[in-house]
Amino acid sequence: PSEQNTYADIEAAYKCLQDTYGAKEEDVILYGQSVGSGPTLDLATRLPRLRAVVLHSPIMSGLRVMYPVKRSYWFDIYK
C-alpha cells in the first residue's frame, strides 16, 4: 500500500463505473471514510459535475493518525 496506490485505486473504481456501468459524472456520489477521505476529495476536485461528496469521519491529518503530534505540516498529504 502507498499513497500513490490510493489515488490509482479510486481512479480505477471511477473509471469502472463509467466504462462498465455507464455511470455519468452528474449521477455519481463519492463516499470517503477516514483515510479514504483524502483520495475521495482529490478525485472530487477533478469532477465538477458530481452529484455529491460524502465524507464519513474524515481525517484532518495523516500524521495525527499515526503519531501524537498537535500540528499539521505542509507535507502531510491528508492535512
N, C-alpha and C. Protein backbone atom coordinates (compact mmCIF):
# COMPACT_ATOMS: atom_id res chain seq x y z
N PRO A 1 0.82 -1.19 0.00
CA PRO A 1 0.00 0.00 0.00
C PRO A 1 0.87 1.26 0.00
N SER A 2 0.44 2.24 -0.77
CA SER A 2 1.16 3.51 -0.80
C SER A 2 0.17 4.63 -1.08
N GLU A 3 0.62 5.85 -0.86
CA GLU A 3 -0.23 7.00 -1.17
C GLU A 3 -0.65 6.98 -2.63
N GLN A 4 0.32 6.74 -3.51
CA GLN A 4 0.03 6.73 -4.95
C GLN A 4 -0.98 5.66 -5.31
N ASN A 5 -0.90 4.50 -4.65
CA ASN A 5 -1.86 3.43 -4.92
C ASN A 5 -3.28 3.82 -4.54
N THR A 6 -3.44 4.61 -3.47
CA THR A 6 -4.79 5.01 -3.08
C THR A 6 -5.43 5.87 -4.16
N TYR A 7 -4.63 6.74 -4.77
CA TYR A 7 -5.15 7.58 -5.85
C TYR A 7 -5.45 6.74 -7.09
N ALA A 8 -4.58 5.79 -7.39
CA ALA A 8 -4.80 4.90 -8.54
C ALA A 8 -6.06 4.05 -8.33
N ASP A 9 -6.27 3.59 -7.11
CA ASP A 9 -7.44 2.76 -6.81
C ASP A 9 -8.75 3.51 -7.02
N ILE A 10 -8.81 4.75 -6.53
CA ILE A 10 -10.06 5.49 -6.67
C ILE A 10 -10.31 5.87 -8.13
N GLU A 11 -9.23 6.15 -8.86
CA GLU A 11 -9.36 6.42 -10.30
C GLU A 11 -9.90 5.19 -11.02
N ALA A 12 -9.37 4.01 -10.68
CA ALA A 12 -9.81 2.77 -11.31
C ALA A 12 -11.27 2.48 -11.00
N ALA A 13 -11.68 2.71 -9.76
CA ALA A 13 -13.07 2.47 -9.38
C ALA A 13 -14.00 3.41 -10.15
N TYR A 14 -13.62 4.67 -10.26
CA TYR A 14 -14.45 5.63 -11.00
C TYR A 14 -14.50 5.27 -12.49
N LYS A 15 -13.36 4.90 -13.06
CA LYS A 15 -13.32 4.51 -14.47
C LYS A 15 -14.20 3.28 -14.72
N CYS A 16 -14.20 2.34 -13.78
CA CYS A 16 -15.06 1.16 -13.89
C CYS A 16 -16.54 1.56 -13.89
N LEU A 17 -16.91 2.49 -13.02
CA LEU A 17 -18.30 2.97 -13.01
C LEU A 17 -18.70 3.55 -14.36
N GLN A 18 -17.79 4.31 -14.96
CA GLN A 18 -18.08 4.92 -16.25
C GLN A 18 -18.09 3.89 -17.38
N ASP A 19 -17.01 3.13 -17.49
CA ASP A 19 -16.83 2.23 -18.63
C ASP A 19 -17.69 0.98 -18.57
N THR A 20 -17.81 0.38 -17.41
CA THR A 20 -18.53 -0.89 -17.28
C THR A 20 -20.03 -0.68 -17.04
N TYR A 21 -20.36 0.32 -16.22
CA TYR A 21 -21.75 0.52 -15.84
C TYR A 21 -22.41 1.74 -16.48
N GLY A 22 -21.65 2.51 -17.25
CA GLY A 22 -22.22 3.66 -17.94
C GLY A 22 -22.64 4.81 -17.05
N ALA A 23 -22.06 4.88 -15.86
CA ALA A 23 -22.42 5.97 -14.93
C ALA A 23 -21.96 7.31 -15.48
N LYS A 24 -22.82 8.30 -15.35
CA LYS A 24 -22.48 9.66 -15.76
C LYS A 24 -21.98 10.42 -14.53
N GLU A 25 -21.05 11.33 -14.76
CA GLU A 25 -20.46 12.09 -13.66
C GLU A 25 -21.53 12.73 -12.78
N GLU A 26 -22.56 13.30 -13.38
CA GLU A 26 -23.58 14.01 -12.60
C GLU A 26 -24.48 13.09 -11.79
N ASP A 27 -24.36 11.78 -12.00
CA ASP A 27 -25.14 10.81 -11.22
C ASP A 27 -24.32 10.14 -10.12
N VAL A 28 -23.05 10.47 -10.03
CA VAL A 28 -22.15 9.80 -9.08
C VAL A 28 -22.09 10.57 -7.75
N ILE A 29 -22.17 9.82 -6.66
CA ILE A 29 -21.96 10.35 -5.32
C ILE A 29 -20.71 9.66 -4.78
N LEU A 30 -19.67 10.45 -4.51
CA LEU A 30 -18.44 9.88 -3.95
C LEU A 30 -18.59 9.76 -2.44
N TYR A 31 -18.03 8.68 -1.89
CA TYR A 31 -18.07 8.43 -0.45
C TYR A 31 -16.66 8.11 0.02
N GLY A 32 -16.19 8.84 1.01
CA GLY A 32 -14.88 8.58 1.58
C GLY A 32 -14.96 8.47 3.08
N GLN A 33 -14.32 7.46 3.64
CA GLN A 33 -14.35 7.27 5.09
C GLN A 33 -12.93 7.26 5.63
N SER A 34 -12.70 8.02 6.69
CA SER A 34 -11.42 8.08 7.39
C SER A 34 -10.29 8.41 6.42
N VAL A 35 -9.30 7.53 6.30
CA VAL A 35 -8.16 7.78 5.42
C VAL A 35 -8.61 7.89 3.96
N GLY A 36 -9.69 7.25 3.61
CA GLY A 36 -10.21 7.34 2.25
C GLY A 36 -10.77 8.70 1.88
N SER A 37 -10.91 9.58 2.86
CA SER A 37 -11.42 10.92 2.56
C SER A 37 -10.43 11.72 1.72
N GLY A 38 -9.14 11.46 1.88
CA GLY A 38 -8.13 12.18 1.09
C GLY A 38 -8.24 11.89 -0.40
N PRO A 39 -8.15 10.63 -0.81
CA PRO A 39 -8.31 10.31 -2.23
C PRO A 39 -9.69 10.69 -2.78
N THR A 40 -10.71 10.59 -1.95
CA THR A 40 -12.05 10.97 -2.39
C THR A 40 -12.11 12.44 -2.76
N LEU A 41 -11.56 13.29 -1.90
CA LEU A 41 -11.55 14.72 -2.19
C LEU A 41 -10.65 15.04 -3.38
N ASP A 42 -9.55 14.32 -3.50
CA ASP A 42 -8.66 14.55 -4.64
C ASP A 42 -9.41 14.29 -5.95
N LEU A 43 -10.13 13.18 -6.02
CA LEU A 43 -10.91 12.87 -7.22
C LEU A 43 -12.01 13.90 -7.43
N ALA A 44 -12.67 14.30 -6.36
CA ALA A 44 -13.78 15.25 -6.47
C ALA A 44 -13.34 16.59 -7.05
N THR A 45 -12.10 16.99 -6.79
CA THR A 45 -11.63 18.28 -7.32
C THR A 45 -11.52 18.26 -8.84
N ARG A 46 -11.47 17.08 -9.42
CA ARG A 46 -11.36 16.95 -10.88
C ARG A 46 -12.68 16.61 -11.56
N LEU A 47 -13.74 16.51 -10.77
CA LEU A 47 -15.06 16.14 -11.32
C LEU A 47 -16.09 17.19 -10.90
N PRO A 48 -16.17 18.29 -11.61
CA PRO A 48 -17.02 19.41 -11.17
C PRO A 48 -18.53 19.15 -11.23
N ARG A 49 -18.97 18.12 -11.94
CA ARG A 49 -20.41 17.88 -12.08
C ARG A 49 -20.92 16.75 -11.18
N LEU A 50 -20.16 16.35 -10.19
CA LEU A 50 -20.60 15.29 -9.28
C LEU A 50 -21.93 15.65 -8.61
N ARG A 51 -22.72 14.63 -8.34
CA ARG A 51 -23.97 14.85 -7.61
C ARG A 51 -23.67 15.28 -6.18
N ALA A 52 -22.73 14.60 -5.51
CA ALA A 52 -22.41 14.94 -4.12
C ALA A 52 -21.12 14.24 -3.70
N VAL A 53 -20.60 14.68 -2.56
CA VAL A 53 -19.46 14.03 -1.91
C VAL A 53 -19.83 13.84 -0.45
N VAL A 54 -19.70 12.62 0.05
CA VAL A 54 -19.98 12.32 1.44
C VAL A 54 -18.68 11.92 2.12
N LEU A 55 -18.34 12.60 3.21
CA LEU A 55 -17.15 12.25 3.98
C LEU A 55 -17.59 11.76 5.35
N HIS A 56 -17.28 10.51 5.65
CA HIS A 56 -17.66 9.88 6.90
C HIS A 56 -16.43 9.83 7.80
N SER A 57 -16.44 10.57 8.87
CA SER A 57 -15.30 10.64 9.81
C SER A 57 -14.00 10.92 9.08
N PRO A 58 -13.94 12.00 8.30
CA PRO A 58 -12.70 12.28 7.57
C PRO A 58 -11.56 12.61 8.52
N ILE A 59 -10.35 12.30 8.10
CA ILE A 59 -9.21 12.61 8.95
C ILE A 59 -8.72 14.01 8.64
N MET A 60 -8.19 14.67 9.66
CA MET A 60 -7.67 16.01 9.47
C MET A 60 -6.20 15.96 9.06
N SER A 61 -5.52 14.92 9.50
CA SER A 61 -4.08 14.84 9.25
C SER A 61 -3.63 13.39 9.29
N GLY A 62 -2.89 12.99 8.25
CA GLY A 62 -2.33 11.64 8.24
C GLY A 62 -1.34 11.42 9.37
N LEU A 63 -0.53 12.42 9.65
CA LEU A 63 0.44 12.30 10.74
C LEU A 63 -0.25 12.18 12.09
N ARG A 64 -1.36 12.90 12.27
CA ARG A 64 -2.07 12.84 13.54
C ARG A 64 -2.71 11.47 13.77
N VAL A 65 -2.96 10.75 12.71
CA VAL A 65 -3.49 9.39 12.85
C VAL A 65 -2.40 8.46 13.35
N MET A 66 -1.17 8.65 12.86
CA MET A 66 -0.08 7.73 13.18
C MET A 66 0.73 8.12 14.41
N TYR A 67 0.82 9.42 14.69
CA TYR A 67 1.69 9.90 15.77
C TYR A 67 0.96 10.93 16.63
N PRO A 68 1.36 11.06 17.89
CA PRO A 68 0.70 12.03 18.77
C PRO A 68 1.22 13.46 18.57
N VAL A 69 1.08 14.00 17.37
CA VAL A 69 1.51 15.37 17.10
C VAL A 69 0.31 16.30 17.15
N LYS A 70 0.54 17.55 17.47
CA LYS A 70 -0.55 18.51 17.58
C LYS A 70 -0.57 19.51 16.44
N ARG A 71 0.40 19.42 15.54
CA ARG A 71 0.49 20.35 14.42
C ARG A 71 0.27 19.62 13.11
N SER A 72 -0.15 20.36 12.10
CA SER A 72 -0.22 19.83 10.75
C SER A 72 0.92 20.45 9.94
N TYR A 73 1.58 19.64 9.15
CA TYR A 73 2.72 20.11 8.37
C TYR A 73 2.36 20.16 6.89
N TRP A 74 3.05 20.99 6.14
CA TRP A 74 2.77 21.19 4.72
C TRP A 74 2.90 19.90 3.91
N PHE A 75 3.74 18.98 4.36
CA PHE A 75 3.98 17.75 3.61
C PHE A 75 3.01 16.64 3.98
N ASP A 76 2.11 16.89 4.91
CA ASP A 76 1.13 15.89 5.33
C ASP A 76 0.05 15.81 4.25
N ILE A 77 -0.01 14.69 3.52
CA ILE A 77 -0.91 14.60 2.36
C ILE A 77 -2.38 14.76 2.71
N TYR A 78 -2.76 14.43 3.93
CA TYR A 78 -4.18 14.49 4.29
C TYR A 78 -4.50 15.66 5.20
N LYS A 79 -3.68 16.69 5.20
CA LYS A 79 -3.99 17.81 6.10
C LYS A 79 -5.10 18.68 5.57
